Amino acid sequence: NLPGYPVVLAGHWEVDAGTSASTPLIASAFALLDAAQRARGRPR
């Protein structure tokens, strides 16, 4: 939680941490890689 991840919850900025923050970060990075692969005509 130092520094944590800034997120918006119910319209307010909060600091999130733990696997609740890091797992979506990693998942979204892989989703972007997957989208880039597909945009290049490569398989998922």
Full PDB file with SEQRES, HELIX, SHEET, SSBOND, CRYST1, ORIGX, SCALE, CONECT and MASTER records, all heavy atoms in Angstrom:
SEQRES   1 A   44  ASN LEU PRO GLY TYR PRO VAL VAL LEU ALA GLY HIS TRP          
SEQRES   2 A   44  GLU VAL ASP ALA GLY THR SER ALA SER THR PRO LEU ILE          
SEQRES   3 A   44  ALA SER ALA PHE ALA LEU LEU ASP ALA ALA GLN ARG ALA          
SEQRES   4 A   44  ARG GLY ARG PRO ARG                                          
HELIX    1 AA1 THR A   19  ALA A   39  1                                  21    
SHEET    1 AA1 2 TYR A   5  LEU A   9  0                                        
SHEET    2 AA1 2 HIS A  12  ASP A  16 -1                                        
CRYST1    1.000    1.000    1.000  90.00  90.00  90.00 P 1           1          
ORIGX1      1.000000  0.000000  0.000000        0.00000                         
ORIGX2      0.000000  1.000000  0.000000        0.00000                         
ORIGX3      0.000000  0.000000  1.000000        0.00000                         
SCALE1      1.000000  0.000000  0.000000        0.00000                         
SCALE2      0.000000  1.000000  0.000000        0.00000                         
SCALE3      0.000000  0.000000  1.000000        0.00000                         
ATOM      1  N   ASN A   1       0.831  -1.211   0.000  1.00  0.00           N  
ATOM      2  CA  ASN A   1       0.000   0.000   0.000  1.00  0.00           C  
ATOM      3  C   ASN A   1       0.862   1.258   0.000  1.00  0.00           C  
ATOM      4  O   ASN A   1       0.345   2.361   0.063  1.00  0.00           O  
ATOM      5  CB  ASN A   1      -0.972  -0.001   1.180  1.00  0.00           C  
ATOM      6  CG  ASN A   1      -0.274  -0.006   2.514  1.00  0.00           C  
ATOM      7  OD1 ASN A   1       0.931  -0.194   2.585  1.00  0.00           O  
ATOM      8  ND2 ASN A   1      -1.023   0.184   3.575  1.00  0.00           N  
ATOM      9  N   LEU A   2       2.167   1.084  -0.083  1.00  0.00           N  
ATOM     10  CA  LEU A   2       3.093   2.211  -0.218  1.00  0.00           C  
ATOM     11  C   LEU A   2       3.833   2.076  -1.533  1.00  0.00           C  
ATOM     12  O   LEU A   2       4.719   1.240  -1.646  1.00  0.00           O  
ATOM     13  CB  LEU A   2       4.087   2.241   0.947  1.00  0.00           C  
ATOM     14  CG  LEU A   2       3.458   2.472   2.311  1.00  0.00           C  
ATOM     15  CD1 LEU A   2       4.485   2.306   3.404  1.00  0.00           C  
ATOM     16  CD2 LEU A   2       2.803   3.837   2.393  1.00  0.00           C  
ATOM     17  N   PRO A   3       3.519   2.721  -2.587  1.00  0.00           N  
ATOM     18  CA  PRO A   3       2.587   3.829  -2.648  1.00  0.00           C  
ATOM     19  C   PRO A   3       1.148   3.416  -2.901  1.00  0.00           C  
ATOM     20  O   PRO A   3       0.242   4.225  -2.767  1.00  0.00           O  
ATOM     21  CB  PRO A   3       3.115   4.650  -3.818  1.00  0.00           C  
ATOM     22  CG  PRO A   3       3.676   3.624  -4.747  1.00  0.00           C  
ATOM     23  CD  PRO A   3       4.248   2.558  -3.842  1.00  0.00           C  
ATOM     24  N   GLY A   4       0.905   2.174  -3.299  1.00  0.00           N  
ATOM     25  CA  GLY A   4      -0.453   1.742  -3.616  1.00  0.00           C  
ATOM     26  C   GLY A   4      -0.834   2.167  -5.024  1.00  0.00           C  
ATOM     27  O   GLY A   4      -0.043   2.744  -5.761  1.00  0.00           O  
ATOM     28  N   TYR A   5      -2.042   1.845  -5.410  1.00  0.00           N  
ATOM     29  CA  TYR A   5      -2.548   2.173  -6.737  1.00  0.00           C  
ATOM     30  C   TYR A   5      -3.740   3.115  -6.600  1.00  0.00           C  
ATOM     31  O   TYR A   5      -4.686   2.815  -5.867  1.00  0.00           O  
ATOM     32  CB  TYR A   5      -3.006   0.901  -7.468  1.00  0.00           C  
ATOM     33  CG  TYR A   5      -1.887  -0.061  -7.755  1.00  0.00           C  
ATOM     34  CD1 TYR A   5      -1.613  -1.129  -6.912  1.00  0.00           C  
ATOM     35  CD2 TYR A   5      -1.078   0.111  -8.879  1.00  0.00           C  
ATOM     36  CE1 TYR A   5      -0.575  -2.006  -7.184  1.00  0.00           C  
ATOM     37  CE2 TYR A   5      -0.044  -0.769  -9.154  1.00  0.00           C  
ATOM     38  CZ  TYR A   5       0.205  -1.825  -8.305  1.00  0.00           C  
ATOM     39  OH  TYR A   5       1.221  -2.689  -8.564  1.00  0.00           O  
ATOM     40  N   PRO A   6      -3.726   4.253  -7.299  1.00  0.00           N  
ATOM     41  CA  PRO A   6      -4.885   5.147  -7.238  1.00  0.00           C  
ATOM     42  C   PRO A   6      -6.039   4.565  -8.052  1.00  0.00           C  
ATOM     43  O   PRO A   6      -5.856   4.181  -9.206  1.00  0.00           O  
ATOM     44  CB  PRO A   6      -4.364   6.448  -7.852  1.00  0.00           C  
ATOM     45  CG  PRO A   6      -3.226   6.032  -8.723  1.00  0.00           C  
ATOM     46  CD  PRO A   6      -2.653   4.785  -8.118  1.00  0.00           C  
ATOM     47  N   VAL A   7      -7.194   4.460  -7.442  1.00  0.00           N  
ATOM     48  CA  VAL A   7      -8.395   3.954  -8.111  1.00  0.00           C  
ATOM     49  C   VAL A   7      -9.575   4.832  -7.733  1.00  0.00           C  
ATOM     50  O   VAL A   7      -9.550   5.531  -6.717  1.00  0.00           O  
ATOM     51  CB  VAL A   7      -8.690   2.487  -7.716  1.00  0.00           C  
ATOM     52  CG1 VAL A   7      -7.568   1.570  -8.162  1.00  0.00           C  
ATOM     53  CG2 VAL A   7      -8.917   2.348  -6.237  1.00  0.00           C  
ATOM     54  N   VAL A   8     -10.601   4.791  -8.553  1.00  0.00           N  
ATOM     55  CA  VAL A   8     -11.827   5.525  -8.248  1.00  0.00           C  
ATOM     56  C   VAL A   8     -12.867   4.521  -7.777  1.00  0.00           C  
ATOM     57  O   VAL A   8     -13.200   3.573  -8.488  1.00  0.00           O  
ATOM     58  CB  VAL A   8     -12.347   6.296  -9.478  1.00  0.00           C  
ATOM     59  CG1 VAL A   8     -13.677   6.969  -9.169  1.00  0.00           C  
ATOM     60  CG2 VAL A   8     -11.321   7.321  -9.934  1.00  0.00           C  
ATOM     61  N   LEU A   9     -13.363   4.713  -6.568  1.00  0.00           N  
ATOM     62  CA  LEU A   9     -14.406   3.878  -5.994  1.00  0.00           C  
ATOM     63  C   LEU A   9     -15.569   4.761  -5.603  1.00  0.00           C  
ATOM     64  O   LEU A   9     -15.403   5.712  -4.839  1.00  0.00           O  
ATOM     65  CB  LEU A   9     -13.897   3.122  -4.760  1.00  0.00           C  
ATOM     66  CG  LEU A   9     -12.770   2.121  -4.998  1.00  0.00           C  
ATOM     67  CD1 LEU A   9     -12.233   1.598  -3.681  1.00  0.00           C  
ATOM     68  CD2 LEU A   9     -13.260   0.975  -5.854  1.00  0.00           C  
ATOM     69  N   ALA A  10     -16.736   4.468  -6.151  1.00  0.00           N  
ATOM     70  CA  ALA A  10     -17.941   5.250  -5.864  1.00  0.00           C  
ATOM     71  C   ALA A  10     -17.699   6.737  -6.085  1.00  0.00           C  
ATOM     72  O   ALA A  10     -18.153   7.579  -5.314  1.00  0.00           O  
ATOM     73  CB  ALA A  10     -18.428   4.983  -4.447  1.00  0.00           C  
ATOM     74  N   GLY A  11     -16.943   7.071  -7.146  1.00  0.00           N  
ATOM     75  CA  GLY A  11     -16.717   8.470  -7.488  1.00  0.00           C  
ATOM     76  C   GLY A  11     -15.638   9.172  -6.678  1.00  0.00           C  
ATOM     77  O   GLY A  11     -15.446  10.366  -6.819  1.00  0.00           O  
ATOM     78  N   HIS A  12     -14.928   8.436  -5.840  1.00  0.00           N  
ATOM     79  CA  HIS A  12     -13.875   9.031  -5.012  1.00  0.00           C  
ATOM     80  C   HIS A  12     -12.544   8.330  -5.253  1.00  0.00           C  
ATOM     81  O   HIS A  12     -12.497   7.108  -5.398  1.00  0.00           O  
ATOM     82  CB  HIS A  12     -14.224   8.913  -3.516  1.00  0.00           C  
ATOM     83  CG  HIS A  12     -15.462   9.640  -3.152  1.00  0.00           C  
ATOM     84  ND1 HIS A  12     -16.721   9.092  -3.261  1.00  0.00           N  
ATOM     85  CD2 HIS A  12     -15.639  10.896  -2.681  1.00  0.00           C  
ATOM     86  CE1 HIS A  12     -17.624   9.957  -2.872  1.00  0.00           C  
ATOM     87  NE2 HIS A  12     -16.991  11.066  -2.525  1.00  0.00           N  
ATOM     88  N   TRP A  13     -11.476   9.124  -5.270  1.00  0.00           N  
ATOM     89  CA  TRP A  13     -10.142   8.552  -5.397  1.00  0.00           C  
ATOM     90  C   TRP A  13      -9.763   7.879  -4.092  1.00  0.00           C  
ATOM     91  O   TRP A  13      -9.923   8.442  -3.019  1.00  0.00           O  
ATOM     92  CB  TRP A  13      -9.113   9.631  -5.733  1.00  0.00           C  
ATOM     93  CG  TRP A  13      -9.167  10.055  -7.167  1.00  0.00           C  
ATOM     94  CD1 TRP A  13      -9.767  11.154  -7.670  1.00  0.00           C  
ATOM     95  CD2 TRP A  13      -8.609   9.357  -8.277  1.00  0.00           C  
ATOM     96  NE1 TRP A  13      -9.631  11.194  -9.033  1.00  0.00           N  
ATOM     97  CE2 TRP A  13      -8.918  10.100  -9.429  1.00  0.00           C  
ATOM     98  CE3 TRP A  13      -7.892   8.180  -8.404  1.00  0.00           C  
ATOM     99  CZ2 TRP A  13      -8.518   9.704 -10.697  1.00  0.00           C  
ATOM    100  CZ3 TRP A  13      -7.489   7.790  -9.668  1.00  0.00           C  
ATOM    101  CH2 TRP A  13      -7.801   8.544 -10.806  1.00  0.00           C  
ATOM    102  N   GLU A  14      -9.259   6.660  -4.200  1.00  0.00           N  
ATOM    103  CA  GLU A  14      -8.796   5.884  -3.053  1.00  0.00           C  
ATOM    104  C   GLU A  14      -7.448   5.266  -3.417  1.00  0.00           C  
ATOM    105  O   GLU A  14      -7.077   5.218  -4.584  1.00  0.00           O  
ATOM    106  CB  GLU A  14      -9.776   4.740  -2.733  1.00  0.00           C  
ATOM    107  CG  GLU A  14     -11.192   5.176  -2.467  1.00  0.00           C  
ATOM    108  CD  GLU A  14     -11.383   5.773  -1.094  1.00  0.00           C  
ATOM    109  OE1 GLU A  14     -10.533   5.526  -0.214  1.00  0.00           O  
ATOM    110  OE2 GLU A  14     -12.369   6.488  -0.907  1.00  0.00           O  
ATOM    111  N   VAL A  15      -6.743   4.777  -2.427  1.00  0.00           N  
ATOM    112  CA  VAL A  15      -5.519   4.016  -2.660  1.00  0.00           C  
ATOM    113  C   VAL A  15      -5.834   2.556  -2.396  1.00  0.00           C  
ATOM    114  O   VAL A  15      -6.347   2.210  -1.333  1.00  0.00           O  
ATOM    115  CB  VAL A  15      -4.370   4.494  -1.762  1.00  0.00           C  
ATOM    116  CG1 VAL A  15      -3.150   3.596  -1.938  1.00  0.00           C  
ATOM    117  CG2 VAL A  15      -4.019   5.936  -2.073  1.00  0.00           C  
ATOM    118  N   ASP A  16      -5.572   1.718  -3.378  1.00  0.00           N  
ATOM    119  CA  ASP A  16      -5.808   0.286  -3.243  1.00  0.00           C  
ATOM    120  C   ASP A  16      -4.460  -0.420  -3.233  1.00  0.00           C  
ATOM    121  O   ASP A  16      -3.462   0.102  -3.730  1.00  0.00           O  
ATOM    122  CB  ASP A  16      -6.664  -0.214  -4.408  1.00  0.00           C  
ATOM    123  CG  ASP A  16      -7.322  -1.548  -4.130  1.00  0.00           C  
ATOM    124  OD1 ASP A  16      -7.259  -2.029  -2.979  1.00  0.00           O  
ATOM    125  OD2 ASP A  16      -7.901  -2.122  -5.068  1.00  0.00           O  
ATOM    126  N   ALA A  17      -4.430  -1.611  -2.663  1.00  0.00           N  
ATOM    127  CA  ALA A  17      -3.179  -2.357  -2.576  1.00  0.00           C  
ATOM    128  C   ALA A  17      -3.488  -3.842  -2.516  1.00  0.00           C  
ATOM    129  O   ALA A  17      -4.640  -4.259  -2.615  1.00  0.00           O  
ATOM    130  CB  ALA A  17      -2.395  -1.920  -1.342  1.00  0.00           C  
ATOM    131  N   GLY A  18      -2.461  -4.650  -2.343  1.00  0.00           N  
ATOM    132  CA  GLY A  18      -2.616  -6.091  -2.252  1.00  0.00           C  
ATOM    133  C   GLY A  18      -2.950  -6.693  -3.601  1.00  0.00           C  
ATOM    134  O   GLY A  18      -2.831  -6.059  -4.648  1.00  0.00           O  
ATOM    135  N   THR A  19      -3.374  -7.944  -3.572  1.00  0.00           N  
ATOM    136  CA  THR A  19      -3.737  -8.610  -4.814  1.00  0.00           C  
ATOM    137  C   THR A  19      -4.977  -7.990  -5.439  1.00  0.00           C  
ATOM    138  O   THR A  19      -5.187  -8.120  -6.641  1.00  0.00           O  
ATOM    139  CB  THR A  19      -3.962 -10.118  -4.592  1.00  0.00           C  
ATOM    140  OG1 THR A  19      -4.927 -10.293  -3.565  1.00  0.00           O  
ATOM    141  CG2 THR A  19      -2.669 -10.816  -4.205  1.00  0.00           C  
ATOM    142  N   SER A  20      -5.775  -7.268  -4.646  1.00  0.00           N  
ATOM    143  CA  SER A  20      -6.946  -6.572  -5.197  1.00  0.00           C  
ATOM    144  C   SER A  20      -6.533  -5.493  -6.182  1.00  0.00           C  
ATOM    145  O   SER A  20      -7.321  -5.095  -7.038  1.00  0.00           O  
ATOM    146  CB  SER A  20      -7.765  -5.942  -4.073  1.00  0.00           C  
ATOM    147  OG  SER A  20      -8.268  -6.927  -3.223  1.00  0.00           O  
ATOM    148  N   ALA A  21      -5.328  -4.987  -6.050  1.00  0.00           N  
ATOM    149  CA  ALA A  21      -4.824  -3.967  -6.967  1.00  0.00           C  
ATOM    150  C   ALA A  21      -3.866  -4.547  -7.997  1.00  0.00           C  
ATOM    151  O   ALA A  21      -3.947  -4.235  -9.182  1.00  0.00           O  
ATOM    152  CB  ALA A  21      -4.129  -2.859  -6.188  1.00  0.00           C  
ATOM    153  N   SER A  22      -2.935  -5.384  -7.549  1.00  0.00           N  
ATOM    154  CA  SER A  22      -1.900  -5.858  -8.462  1.00  0.00           C  
ATOM    155  C   SER A  22      -2.426  -6.861  -9.489  1.00  0.00           C  
ATOM    156  O   SER A  22      -1.969  -6.863 -10.634  1.00  0.00           O  
ATOM    157  CB  SER A  22      -0.732  -6.454  -7.675  1.00  0.00           C  
ATOM    158  OG  SER A  22      -1.140  -7.542  -6.889  1.00  0.00           O  
ATOM    159  N   THR A  23      -3.376  -7.690  -9.111  1.00  0.00           N  
ATOM    160  CA  THR A  23      -3.899  -8.676 -10.061  1.00  0.00           C  
ATOM    161  C   THR A  23      -4.606  -8.016 -11.244  1.00  0.00           C  
ATOM    162  O   THR A  23      -4.318  -8.356 -12.402  1.00  0.00           O  
ATOM    163  CB  THR A  23      -4.816  -9.683  -9.344  1.00  0.00           C  
ATOM    164  OG1 THR A  23      -4.044 -10.348  -8.349  1.00  0.00           O  
ATOM    165  CG2 THR A  23      -5.401 -10.690 -10.310  1.00  0.00           C  
ATOM    166  N   PRO A  24      -5.509  -7.040 -11.022  1.00  0.00           N  
ATOM    167  CA  PRO A  24      -6.111  -6.374 -12.189  1.00  0.00           C  
ATOM    168  C   PRO A  24      -5.089  -5.607 -13.040  1.00  0.00           C  
ATOM    169  O   PRO A  24      -5.236  -5.528 -14.259  1.00  0.00           O  
ATOM    170  CB  PRO A  24      -7.128  -5.408 -11.575  1.00  0.00           C  
ATOM    171  CG  PRO A  24      -7.402  -5.946 -10.222  1.00  0.00           C  
ATOM    172  CD  PRO A  24      -6.148  -6.630  -9.776  1.00  0.00           C  
ATOM    173  N   LEU A  25      -4.054  -5.068 -12.410  1.00  0.00           N  
ATOM    174  CA  LEU A  25      -3.013  -4.376 -13.161  1.00  0.00           C  
ATOM    175  C   LEU A  25      -2.317  -5.342 -14.122  1.00  0.00           C  
ATOM    176  O   LEU A  25      -2.178  -5.055 -15.312  1.00  0.00           O  
ATOM    177  CB  LEU A  25      -1.994  -3.758 -12.209  1.00  0.00           C  
ATOM    178  CG  LEU A  25      -0.798  -3.115 -12.894  1.00  0.00           C  
ATOM    179  CD1 LEU A  25      -1.185  -1.782 -13.494  1.00  0.00           C  
ATOM    180  CD2 LEU A  25       0.351  -2.950 -11.919  1.00  0.00           C  
ATOM    181  N   ILE A  26      -1.909  -6.488 -13.611  1.00  0.00           N  
ATOM    182  CA  ILE A  26      -1.238  -7.487 -14.445  1.00  0.00           C  
ATOM    183  C   ILE A  26      -2.200  -8.026 -15.513  1.00  0.00           C  
ATOM    184  O   ILE A  26      -1.827  -8.175 -16.686  1.00  0.00           O  
ATOM    185  CB  ILE A  26      -0.681  -8.631 -13.579  1.00  0.00           C  
ATOM    186  CG1 ILE A  26       0.431  -8.117 -12.661  1.00  0.00           C  
ATOM    187  CG2 ILE A  26      -0.205  -9.798 -14.421  1.00  0.00           C  
ATOM    188  CD1 ILE A  26       1.685  -7.662 -13.367  1.00  0.00           C  
ATOM    189  N   ALA A  27      -3.445  -8.303 -15.126  1.00  0.00           N  
ATOM    190  CA  ALA A  27      -4.424  -8.816 -16.087  1.00  0.00           C  
ATOM    191  C   ALA A  27      -4.666  -7.815 -17.212  1.00  0.00           C  
ATOM    192  O   ALA A  27      -4.754  -8.200 -18.386  1.00  0.00           O  
ATOM    193  CB  ALA A  27      -5.734  -9.145 -15.375  1.00  0.00           C  
ATOM    194  N   SER A  28      -4.752  -6.530 -16.883  1.00  0.00           N  
ATOM    195  CA  SER A  28      -4.989  -5.528 -17.928  1.00  0.00           C  
ATOM    196  C   SER A  28      -3.775  -5.386 -18.837  1.00  0.00           C  
ATOM    197  O   SER A  28      -3.923  -5.193 -20.047  1.00  0.00           O  
ATOM    198  CB  SER A  28      -5.379  -4.181 -17.312  1.00  0.00           C  
ATOM    199  OG  SER A  28      -4.353  -3.682 -16.486  1.00  0.00           O  
ATOM    200  N   ALA A  29      -2.571  -5.521 -18.294  1.00  0.00           N  
ATOM    201  CA  ALA A  29      -1.379  -5.457 -19.141  1.00  0.00           C  
ATOM    202  C   ALA A  29      -1.368  -6.623 -20.132  1.00  0.00           C  
ATOM    203  O   ALA A  29      -1.053  -6.433 -21.316  1.00  0.00           O  
ATOM    204  CB  ALA A  29      -0.119  -5.465 -18.277  1.00  0.00           C  
ATOM    205  N   PHE A  30      -1.728  -7.813 -19.668  1.00  0.00           N  
ATOM    206  CA  PHE A  30      -1.795  -8.943 -20.592  1.00  0.00           C  
ATOM    207  C   PHE A  30      -2.936  -8.778 -21.597  1.00  0.00           C  
ATOM    208  O   PHE A  30      -2.816  -9.198 -22.748  1.00  0.00           O  
ATOM    209  CB  PHE A  30      -1.904 -10.267 -19.843  1.00  0.00           C  
ATOM    210  CG  PHE A  30      -0.575 -10.765 -19.365  1.00  0.00           C  
ATOM    211  CD1 PHE A  30      -0.298 -10.819 -18.019  1.00  0.00           C  
ATOM    212  CD2 PHE A  30       0.398 -11.174 -20.254  1.00  0.00           C  
ATOM    213  CE1 PHE A  30       0.935 -11.257 -17.565  1.00  0.00           C  
ATOM    214  CE2 PHE A  30       1.633 -11.620 -19.827  1.00  0.00           C  
ATOM    215  CZ  PHE A  30       1.905 -11.665 -18.469  1.00  0.00           C  
ATOM    216  N   ALA A  31      -4.034  -8.152 -21.197  1.00  0.00           N  
ATOM    217  CA  ALA A  31      -5.126  -7.885 -22.140  1.00  0.00           C  
ATOM    218  C   ALA A  31      -4.658  -6.944 -23.247  1.00  0.00           C  
ATOM    219  O   ALA A  31      -5.007  -7.124 -24.422  1.00  0.00           O  
ATOM    220  CB  ALA A  31      -6.336  -7.307 -21.411  1.00  0.00           C  
ATOM    221  N   LEU A  32      -3.853  -5.951 -22.888  1.00  0.00           N  
ATOM    222  CA  LEU A  32      -3.302  -5.035 -23.900  1.00  0.00           C  
ATOM    223  C   LEU A  32      -2.341  -5.762 -24.839  1.00  0.00           C  
ATOM    224  O   LEU A  32      -2.351  -5.526 -26.051  1.00  0.00           O  
ATOM    225  CB  LEU A  32      -2.607  -3.856 -23.226  1.00  0.00           C  
ATOM    226  CG  LEU A  32      -3.531  -2.872 -22.506  1.00  0.00           C  
ATOM    227  CD1 LEU A  32      -2.714  -1.871 -21.698  1.00  0.00           C  
ATOM    228  CD2 LEU A  32      -4.447  -2.170 -23.499  1.00  0.00           C  
ATOM    229  N   LEU A  33      -1.514  -6.641 -24.284  1.00  0.00           N  
ATOM    230  CA  LEU A  33      -0.626  -7.440 -25.135  1.00  0.00           C  
ATOM    231  C   LEU A  33      -1.434  -8.319 -26.086  1.00  0.00           C  
ATOM    232  O   LEU A  33      -1.096  -8.444 -27.264  1.00  0.00           O  
ATOM    233  CB  LEU A  33       0.285  -8.323 -24.286  1.00  0.00           C  
ATOM    234  CG  LEU A  33       1.459  -7.665 -23.596  1.00  0.00           C  
ATOM    235  CD1 LEU A  33       2.209  -8.694 -22.759  1.00  0.00           C  
ATOM    236  CD2 LEU A  33       2.388  -7.003 -24.582  1.00  0.00           C  
ATOM    237  N   ASP A  34      -2.489  -8.919 -25.574  1.00  0.00           N  
ATOM    238  CA  ASP A  34      -3.349  -9.768 -26.391  1.00  0.00           C  
ATOM    239  C   ASP A  34      -3.987  -8.959 -27.515  1.00  0.00           C  
ATOM    240  O   ASP A  34      -4.012  -9.396 -28.669  1.00  0.00           O  
ATOM    241  CB  ASP A  34      -4.417 -10.421 -25.514  1.00  0.00           C  
ATOM    242  CG  ASP A  34      -5.260 -11.405 -26.286  1.00  0.00           C  
ATOM    243  OD1 ASP A  34      -4.718 -12.457 -26.680  1.00  0.00           O  
ATOM    244  OD2 ASP A  34      -6.454 -11.115 -26.490  1.00  0.00           O  
ATOM    245  N   ALA A  35      -4.483  -7.770 -27.196  1.00  0.00           N  
ATOM    246  CA  ALA A  35      -5.101  -6.914 -28.213  1.00  0.00           C  
ATOM    247  C   ALA A  35      -4.074  -6.510 -29.273  1.00  0.00           C  
ATOM    248  O   ALA A  35      -4.396  -6.477 -30.469  1.00  0.00           O  
ATOM    249  CB  ALA A  35      -5.705  -5.671 -27.559  1.00  0.00           C  
ATOM    250  N   ALA A  36      -2.848  -6.229 -28.859  1.00  0.00           N  
ATOM    251  CA  ALA A  36      -1.799  -5.879 -29.820  1.00  0.00           C  
ATOM    252  C   ALA A  36      -1.486  -7.066 -30.729  1.00  0.00           C  
ATOM    253  O   ALA A  36      -1.271  -6.883 -31.937  1.00  0.00           O  
ATOM    254  CB  ALA A  36      -0.549  -5.419 -29.082  1.00  0.00           C  
ATOM    255  N   GLN A  37      -1.478  -8.253 -30.176  1.00  0.00           N  
ATOM    256  CA  GLN A  37      -1.254  -9.457 -30.981  1.00  0.00           C  
ATOM    257  C   GLN A  37      -2.341  -9.591 -32.037  1.00  0.00           C  
ATOM    258  O   GLN A  37      -2.067  -9.841 -33.210  1.00  0.00           O  
ATOM    259  CB  GLN A  37      -1.252 -10.706 -30.097  1.00  0.00           C  
ATOM    260  CG  GLN A  37      -0.027 -10.884 -29.257  1.00  0.00           C  
ATOM    261  CD  GLN A  37       1.156 -11.296 -30.097  1.00  0.00           C  
ATOM    262  OE1 GLN A  37       2.018 -10.459 -30.386  1.00  0.00           O  
ATOM    263  NE2 GLN A  37       1.214 -12.533 -30.507  1.00  0.00           N  
ATOM    264  N   ARG A  38      -3.579  -9.429 -31.612  1.00  0.00           N  
ATOM    265  CA  ARG A  38      -4.705  -9.573 -32.545  1.00  0.00           C  
ATOM    266  C   ARG A  38      -4.689  -8.480 -33.599  1.00  0.00           C  
ATOM    267  O   ARG A  38      -5.014  -8.727 -34.764  1.00  0.00           O  
ATOM    268  CB  ARG A  38      -6.013  -9.596 -31.768  1.00  0.00           C  
ATOM    269  CG  ARG A  38      -6.105 -10.895 -30.968  1.00  0.00           C  
ATOM    270  CD  ARG A  38      -7.334 -11.093 -30.115  1.00  0.00           C  
ATOM    271  NE  ARG A  38      -8.500 -10.351 -30.455  1.00  0.00           N  
ATOM    272  CZ  ARG A  38      -9.196  -9.611 -29.591  1.00  0.00           C  
ATOM    273  NH1 ARG A  38      -8.824  -9.533 -28.330  1.00  0.00           N  
ATOM    274  NH2 ARG A  38     -10.282  -8.979 -29.963  1.00  0.00           N  
ATOM    275  N   ALA A  39      -4.299  -7.259 -33.214  1.00  0.00           N  
ATOM    276  CA  ALA A  39      -4.228  -6.165 -34.183  1.00  0.00           C  
ATOM    277  C   ALA A  39      -3.170  -6.435 -35.252  1.00  0.00           C  
ATOM    278  O   ALA A  39      -3.286  -5.941 -36.376  1.00  0.00           O  
ATOM    279  CB  ALA A  39      -3.920  -4.853 -33.468  1.00  0.00           C  
ATOM    280  N   ARG A  40      -2.157  -7.222 -34.926  1.00  0.00           N  
ATOM    281  CA  ARG A  40      -1.110  -7.584 -35.878  1.00  0.00           C  
ATOM    282  C   ARG A  40      -1.458  -8.843 -36.661  1.00  0.00           C  
ATOM    283  O   ARG A  40      -0.642  -9.371 -37.403  1.00  0.00           O  
ATOM    284  CB  ARG A  40       0.204  -7.793 -35.131  1.00  0.00           C  
ATOM    285  CG  ARG A  40       0.731  -6.510 -34.536  1.00  0.00           C  
ATOM    286  CD  ARG A  40       1.875  -6.703 -33.581  1.00  0.00           C  
ATOM    287  NE  ARG A  40       3.014  -7.361 -34.214  1.00  0.00           N  
ATOM    288  CZ  ARG A  40       4.026  -7.877 -33.530  1.00  0.00           C  
ATOM    289  NH1 ARG A  40       4.037  -7.823 -32.212  1.00  0.00           N  
ATOM    290  NH2 ARG A  40       5.025  -8.449 -34.148  1.00  0.00           N  
ATOM    291  N   GLY A  41      -2.689  -9.352 -36.477  1.00  0.00           N  
ATOM    292  CA  GLY A  41      -3.125 -10.543 -37.196  1.00  0.00           C  
ATOM    293  C   GLY A  41      -2.604 -11.829 -36.601  1.00  0.00           C  
ATOM    294  O   GLY A  41      -2.655 -12.872 -37.239  1.00  0.00           O  
ATOM    295  N   ARG A  42      -2.111 -11.759 -35.387  1.00  0.00           N  
ATOM    296  CA  ARG A  42      -1.594 -12.945 -34.710  1.00  0.00           C  
ATOM    297  C   ARG A  42      -2.668 -13.546 -33.818  1.00  0.00           C  
ATOM    298  O   ARG A  42      -3.622 -12.870 -33.451  1.00  0.00           O  
ATOM    299  CB  ARG A  42      -0.373 -12.584 -33.862  1.00  0.00           C  
ATOM    300  CG  ARG A  42       0.834 -12.207 -34.686  1.00  0.00           C  
ATOM    301  CD  ARG A  42       2.007 -11.952 -33.788  1.00  0.00           C  
ATOM    302  NE  ARG A  42       3.236 -11.813 -34.525  1.00  0.00           N  
ATOM    303  CZ  ARG A  42       4.414 -11.676 -33.959  1.00  0.00           C  
ATOM    304  NH1 ARG A  42       4.521 -11.666 -32.636  1.00  0.00           N  
ATOM    305  NH2 ARG A  42       5.502 -11.556 -34.681  1.00  0.00           N  
ATOM    306  N   PRO A  43      -2.498 -14.812 -33.448  1.00  0.00           N  
ATOM    307  CA  PRO A  43      -3.492 -15.441 -32.570  1.00  0.00           C  
ATOM    308  C   PRO A  43      -3.449 -14.844 -31.164  1.00  0.00           C  
ATOM    309  O   PRO A  43      -2.466 -14.218 -30.761  1.00  0.00           O  
ATOM    310  CB  PRO A  43      -3.087 -16.914 -32.556  1.00  0.00           C  
ATOM    311  CG  PRO A  43      -1.687 -16.952 -33.022  1.00  0.00           C  
ATOM    312  CD  PRO A  43      -1.455 -15.739 -33.860  1.00  0.00           C  
ATOM    313  N   ARG A  44      -4.524 -15.058 -30.438  1.00  0.00           N  
ATOM    314  CA  ARG A  44      -4.603 -14.602 -29.046  1.00  0.00           C  
ATOM    315  C   ARG A  44      -3.502 -15.255 -28.230  1.00  0.00           C  
ATOM    316  O   ARG A  44      -3.024 -16.331 -28.566  1.00  0.00           O  
ATOM    317  CB  ARG A  44      -5.957 -14.960 -28.466  1.00  0.00           C  
ATOM    318  CG  ARG A  44      -7.115 -14.310 -29.204  1.00  0.00           C  
ATOM    319  CD  ARG A  44      -8.378 -14.567 -28.459  1.00  0.00           C  
ATOM    320  NE  ARG A  44      -8.356 -13.715 -27.297  1.00  0.00           N  
ATOM    321  CZ  ARG A  44      -9.310 -12.837 -26.987  1.00  0.00           C  
ATOM    322  NH1 ARG A  44     -10.353 -12.734 -27.737  1.00  0.00           N  
ATOM    323  NH2 ARG A  44      -9.208 -12.092 -25.918  1.00  0.00           N  
TER     324      ARG A  44                                                      
MASTER        0    0    0    1    2    0    0    6  323    1    0    4          
END                                                                             
